[in-house]
């Protein structure tokens, strides 16, 4: 199952605003998760910081803990942000700022 683009965009925007869990996502958006299959897809998106390079939020958070305090340093350490670049404007800075 693939998420529809509208839901995907809302999830990524919520991630950029600090959402890391489904509960946080629900607090920040009007997303309704229809079933268990969709829940799994939402969880996959929430765990992923950079879709193009398949870099997890955890990998980026670990790079930040190891001193990567700018988007450029995170890119160097993980490869995240070196594809289409969308995550450089939202998700990666959020992880750096929130350190999670």
N, C-alpha and C. Protein backbone atom coordinates (compact mmCIF):
# COMPACT_ATOMS: atom_id res chain seq x y z
N UNK A 1 0.84 -1.19 0.00
CA UNK A 1 0.00 0.00 0.00
C UNK A 1 0.88 1.24 0.00
N UNK A 2 0.48 2.20 -0.78
CA UNK A 2 1.17 3.48 -0.79
C UNK A 2 0.22 4.53 -0.22
N UNK A 3 0.80 5.46 0.50
CA UNK A 3 0.00 6.58 1.02
C UNK A 3 -0.32 7.53 -0.11
N UNK A 4 -1.48 8.16 -0.04
CA UNK A 4 -1.77 9.16 -1.05
C UNK A 4 -0.87 10.38 -0.79
N UNK A 5 -0.61 11.12 -1.83
CA UNK A 5 0.36 12.22 -1.78
C UNK A 5 -0.02 13.27 -0.74
N UNK A 6 -1.30 13.52 -0.58
CA UNK A 6 -1.74 14.53 0.40
C UNK A 6 -1.35 14.12 1.82
N UNK A 7 -1.59 12.88 2.17
CA UNK A 7 -1.20 12.39 3.50
C UNK A 7 0.31 12.41 3.66
N UNK A 8 1.00 11.97 2.63
CA UNK A 8 2.47 11.95 2.68
C UNK A 8 3.02 13.36 2.95
N UNK A 9 2.49 14.34 2.25
CA UNK A 9 2.96 15.72 2.44
C UNK A 9 2.67 16.21 3.85
N UNK A 10 1.50 15.87 4.39
CA UNK A 10 1.16 16.27 5.76
C UNK A 10 2.10 15.63 6.77
N UNK A 11 2.44 14.37 6.54
CA UNK A 11 3.36 13.68 7.45
C UNK A 11 4.73 14.34 7.40
N UNK A 12 5.23 14.60 6.21
CA UNK A 12 6.56 15.22 6.09
C UNK A 12 6.57 16.63 6.69
N UNK A 13 5.48 17.37 6.53
CA UNK A 13 5.41 18.70 7.13
C UNK A 13 5.41 18.60 8.65
N UNK A 14 4.65 17.65 9.17
CA UNK A 14 4.63 17.44 10.62
C UNK A 14 6.02 17.02 11.12
N UNK A 15 6.72 16.20 10.34
CA UNK A 15 8.09 15.82 10.70
C UNK A 15 8.98 17.06 10.78
N UNK A 16 8.82 17.94 9.82
CA UNK A 16 9.61 19.17 9.81
C UNK A 16 9.30 20.03 11.04
N UNK A 17 8.11 19.84 11.59
CA UNK A 17 7.72 20.57 12.79
C UNK A 17 7.98 19.78 14.07
N UNK A 18 8.66 18.64 13.94
CA UNK A 18 9.09 17.90 15.11
C UNK A 18 8.37 16.60 15.41
N UNK A 19 7.36 16.22 14.62
CA UNK A 19 6.64 14.97 14.88
C UNK A 19 7.55 13.78 14.60
N UNK A 20 7.61 12.86 15.56
CA UNK A 20 8.42 11.64 15.39
C UNK A 20 7.60 10.38 15.65
N UNK A 21 6.39 10.55 16.19
CA UNK A 21 5.53 9.41 16.49
C UNK A 21 4.15 9.65 15.89
N UNK A 22 3.37 8.58 15.82
CA UNK A 22 2.00 8.71 15.31
C UNK A 22 1.18 9.60 16.22
N UNK A 23 1.37 9.49 17.53
CA UNK A 23 0.63 10.35 18.45
C UNK A 23 0.96 11.82 18.21
N UNK A 24 2.24 12.14 18.03
CA UNK A 24 2.63 13.53 17.74
C UNK A 24 2.07 13.97 16.40
N UNK A 25 2.07 13.08 15.43
CA UNK A 25 1.50 13.38 14.11
C UNK A 25 0.03 13.73 14.23
N UNK A 26 -0.70 12.92 15.00
CA UNK A 26 -2.14 13.17 15.17
C UNK A 26 -2.42 14.49 15.89
N UNK A 27 -1.53 14.87 16.81
CA UNK A 27 -1.69 16.14 17.51
C UNK A 27 -1.49 17.32 16.56
N UNK A 28 -0.64 17.15 15.57
CA UNK A 28 -0.26 18.25 14.68
C UNK A 28 -1.09 18.34 13.40
N UNK A 29 -1.79 17.25 13.05
CA UNK A 29 -2.51 17.23 11.78
C UNK A 29 -3.92 16.68 11.97
N UNK A 30 -4.65 16.69 10.87
CA UNK A 30 -5.99 16.11 10.87
C UNK A 30 -5.99 14.74 10.20
N UNK A 31 -4.82 14.12 10.11
CA UNK A 31 -4.70 12.82 9.44
C UNK A 31 -5.50 11.75 10.19
N UNK A 32 -6.23 10.97 9.41
CA UNK A 32 -6.95 9.81 9.93
C UNK A 32 -6.30 8.59 9.32
N UNK A 33 -5.82 7.70 10.17
CA UNK A 33 -5.20 6.47 9.70
C UNK A 33 -6.30 5.42 9.58
N UNK A 34 -6.50 4.95 8.36
CA UNK A 34 -7.65 4.11 8.03
C UNK A 34 -7.56 2.68 8.54
N UNK A 35 -6.35 2.10 8.57
CA UNK A 35 -6.23 0.69 8.94
C UNK A 35 -4.79 0.37 9.35
N UNK A 36 -4.55 -0.87 9.74
CA UNK A 36 -3.21 -1.27 10.19
C UNK A 36 -2.17 -1.16 9.10
N UNK A 37 -2.56 -1.47 7.88
CA UNK A 37 -1.63 -1.38 6.76
C UNK A 37 -1.18 0.07 6.55
N UNK A 38 -2.14 0.99 6.61
CA UNK A 38 -1.80 2.40 6.46
C UNK A 38 -0.95 2.88 7.65
N UNK A 39 -1.25 2.40 8.83
CA UNK A 39 -0.47 2.74 10.03
C UNK A 39 0.99 2.37 9.83
N UNK A 40 1.23 1.18 9.28
CA UNK A 40 2.59 0.73 9.01
C UNK A 40 3.29 1.65 8.02
N UNK A 41 2.57 2.07 6.99
CA UNK A 41 3.15 2.98 6.00
C UNK A 41 3.49 4.34 6.63
N UNK A 42 2.60 4.83 7.48
CA UNK A 42 2.85 6.10 8.17
C UNK A 42 4.08 5.97 9.07
N UNK A 43 4.19 4.86 9.78
CA UNK A 43 5.35 4.64 10.64
C UNK A 43 6.64 4.61 9.83
N UNK A 44 6.60 4.00 8.64
CA UNK A 44 7.78 3.96 7.77
C UNK A 44 8.21 5.38 7.39
N UNK A 45 7.24 6.20 7.04
CA UNK A 45 7.56 7.59 6.65
C UNK A 45 8.15 8.33 7.85
N UNK A 46 7.55 8.16 9.02
CA UNK A 46 8.04 8.85 10.22
C UNK A 46 9.46 8.42 10.60
N UNK A 47 9.83 7.21 10.27
CA UNK A 47 11.17 6.72 10.61
C UNK A 47 12.21 7.13 9.58
N UNK A 48 11.78 7.68 8.45
CA UNK A 48 12.68 8.00 7.37
C UNK A 48 12.91 9.50 7.27
N UNK A 49 14.18 9.91 7.35
CA UNK A 49 14.50 11.33 7.23
C UNK A 49 14.67 11.74 5.78
N UNK A 50 15.30 10.87 4.99
CA UNK A 50 15.59 11.17 3.59
C UNK A 50 15.16 9.99 2.74
N UNK A 51 14.10 10.19 1.99
CA UNK A 51 13.56 9.10 1.18
C UNK A 51 14.50 8.74 0.03
N UNK A 52 15.08 9.73 -0.62
CA UNK A 52 15.94 9.48 -1.77
C UNK A 52 17.14 8.60 -1.44
N UNK A 53 17.75 8.86 -0.32
CA UNK A 53 18.96 8.12 0.08
C UNK A 53 18.67 7.07 1.15
N UNK A 54 17.40 6.91 1.49
CA UNK A 54 16.96 5.93 2.49
C UNK A 54 17.76 6.05 3.79
N UNK A 55 17.76 7.26 4.34
CA UNK A 55 18.45 7.52 5.60
C UNK A 55 17.40 7.72 6.68
N UNK A 56 17.54 6.99 7.76
CA UNK A 56 16.54 7.04 8.83
C UNK A 56 16.71 8.27 9.71
N UNK A 57 15.63 8.59 10.41
CA UNK A 57 15.68 9.66 11.41
C UNK A 57 16.73 9.31 12.46
N UNK A 58 16.80 8.04 12.84
CA UNK A 58 17.77 7.60 13.84
C UNK A 58 19.20 7.83 13.37
N UNK A 59 19.49 7.57 12.09
CA UNK A 59 20.84 7.79 11.56
C UNK A 59 21.20 9.27 11.60
N UNK A 60 20.25 10.12 11.24
CA UNK A 60 20.51 11.57 11.29
C UNK A 60 20.68 12.02 12.74
N UNK A 61 19.83 11.53 13.63
CA UNK A 61 19.93 11.90 15.05
C UNK A 61 21.28 11.45 15.61
N UNK A 62 21.76 10.29 15.22
CA UNK A 62 23.06 9.81 15.69
C UNK A 62 24.18 10.70 15.16
N UNK A 63 24.08 11.12 13.91
CA UNK A 63 25.08 12.04 13.35
C UNK A 63 25.09 13.35 14.12
N UNK A 64 23.90 13.85 14.48
CA UNK A 64 23.80 15.08 15.27
C UNK A 64 24.45 14.88 16.64
N UNK A 65 24.16 13.75 17.27
CA UNK A 65 24.78 13.46 18.58
C UNK A 65 26.30 13.39 18.46
N UNK A 66 26.77 12.98 17.29
CA UNK A 66 28.21 12.87 17.06
C UNK A 66 28.84 14.18 16.57
N UNK A 67 28.06 15.27 16.59
CA UNK A 67 28.62 16.58 16.28
C UNK A 67 28.18 17.22 14.99
N UNK A 68 27.38 16.56 14.18
CA UNK A 68 26.90 17.15 12.93
C UNK A 68 25.82 18.17 13.27
N UNK A 69 26.22 19.44 13.38
CA UNK A 69 25.28 20.47 13.84
C UNK A 69 24.77 21.38 12.73
N UNK A 70 25.05 21.01 11.48
CA UNK A 70 24.51 21.74 10.33
C UNK A 70 23.99 20.73 9.32
N UNK A 71 23.14 21.20 8.42
CA UNK A 71 22.63 20.33 7.37
C UNK A 71 23.79 19.77 6.54
N UNK A 72 24.76 20.60 6.25
CA UNK A 72 25.90 20.17 5.45
C UNK A 72 26.67 19.05 6.14
N UNK A 73 26.87 19.17 7.44
CA UNK A 73 27.59 18.12 8.19
C UNK A 73 26.78 16.83 8.24
N UNK A 74 25.45 16.95 8.37
CA UNK A 74 24.59 15.76 8.35
C UNK A 74 24.69 15.10 6.98
N UNK A 75 24.68 15.90 5.92
CA UNK A 75 24.80 15.36 4.57
C UNK A 75 26.12 14.60 4.42
N UNK A 76 27.18 15.18 4.91
CA UNK A 76 28.49 14.55 4.83
C UNK A 76 28.52 13.23 5.59
N UNK A 77 27.93 13.21 6.76
CA UNK A 77 27.97 12.03 7.63
C UNK A 77 27.04 10.92 7.17
N UNK A 78 25.90 11.27 6.57
CA UNK A 78 24.87 10.26 6.29
C UNK A 78 24.47 10.13 4.83
N UNK A 79 24.72 11.17 4.04
CA UNK A 79 24.24 11.19 2.66
C UNK A 79 22.83 11.77 2.55
N UNK A 80 22.15 11.93 3.66
CA UNK A 80 20.80 12.51 3.64
C UNK A 80 20.85 13.91 3.05
N UNK A 81 19.89 14.21 2.20
CA UNK A 81 19.81 15.53 1.62
C UNK A 81 20.55 15.68 0.31
N UNK A 82 21.25 14.64 -0.11
CA UNK A 82 22.04 14.75 -1.33
C UNK A 82 21.32 14.23 -2.57
N UNK A 83 20.02 13.91 -2.41
CA UNK A 83 19.21 13.50 -3.56
C UNK A 83 18.42 14.69 -4.06
N UNK A 84 17.13 14.67 -3.87
CA UNK A 84 16.26 15.77 -4.34
C UNK A 84 16.43 17.02 -3.49
N UNK A 85 16.83 16.84 -2.23
CA UNK A 85 17.09 17.98 -1.36
C UNK A 85 15.92 18.48 -0.53
N UNK A 86 14.74 17.90 -0.70
CA UNK A 86 13.57 18.40 0.06
C UNK A 86 13.77 18.29 1.57
N UNK A 87 14.42 17.23 2.02
CA UNK A 87 14.59 17.04 3.46
C UNK A 87 15.55 18.07 4.07
N UNK A 88 16.36 18.72 3.23
CA UNK A 88 17.30 19.73 3.73
C UNK A 88 16.58 20.96 4.26
N UNK A 89 15.37 21.18 3.77
CA UNK A 89 14.63 22.37 4.18
C UNK A 89 13.70 22.12 5.35
N UNK A 90 13.44 20.87 5.69
CA UNK A 90 12.46 20.62 6.74
C UNK A 90 12.88 19.61 7.77
N UNK A 91 12.96 18.36 7.37
CA UNK A 91 13.17 17.28 8.32
C UNK A 91 14.56 17.34 8.96
N UNK A 92 15.60 17.48 8.15
CA UNK A 92 16.96 17.50 8.72
C UNK A 92 17.16 18.66 9.69
N UNK A 93 16.80 19.90 9.32
CA UNK A 93 16.95 20.98 10.30
C UNK A 93 16.15 20.75 11.58
N UNK A 94 14.98 20.13 11.46
CA UNK A 94 14.17 19.82 12.63
C UNK A 94 14.88 18.85 13.56
N UNK A 95 15.50 17.83 12.97
CA UNK A 95 16.22 16.85 13.78
C UNK A 95 17.42 17.53 14.46
N UNK A 96 18.12 18.37 13.75
CA UNK A 96 19.25 19.10 14.33
C UNK A 96 18.77 19.98 15.49
N UNK A 97 17.71 20.73 15.25
CA UNK A 97 17.17 21.64 16.26
C UNK A 97 16.66 20.90 17.50
N UNK A 98 15.94 19.82 17.27
CA UNK A 98 15.33 19.07 18.37
C UNK A 98 16.23 17.98 18.94
N UNK A 99 17.33 17.73 18.26
CA UNK A 99 18.27 16.67 18.63
C UNK A 99 17.58 15.33 18.80
N UNK A 100 16.55 15.10 17.95
CA UNK A 100 15.86 13.80 17.91
C UNK A 100 15.08 13.66 16.64
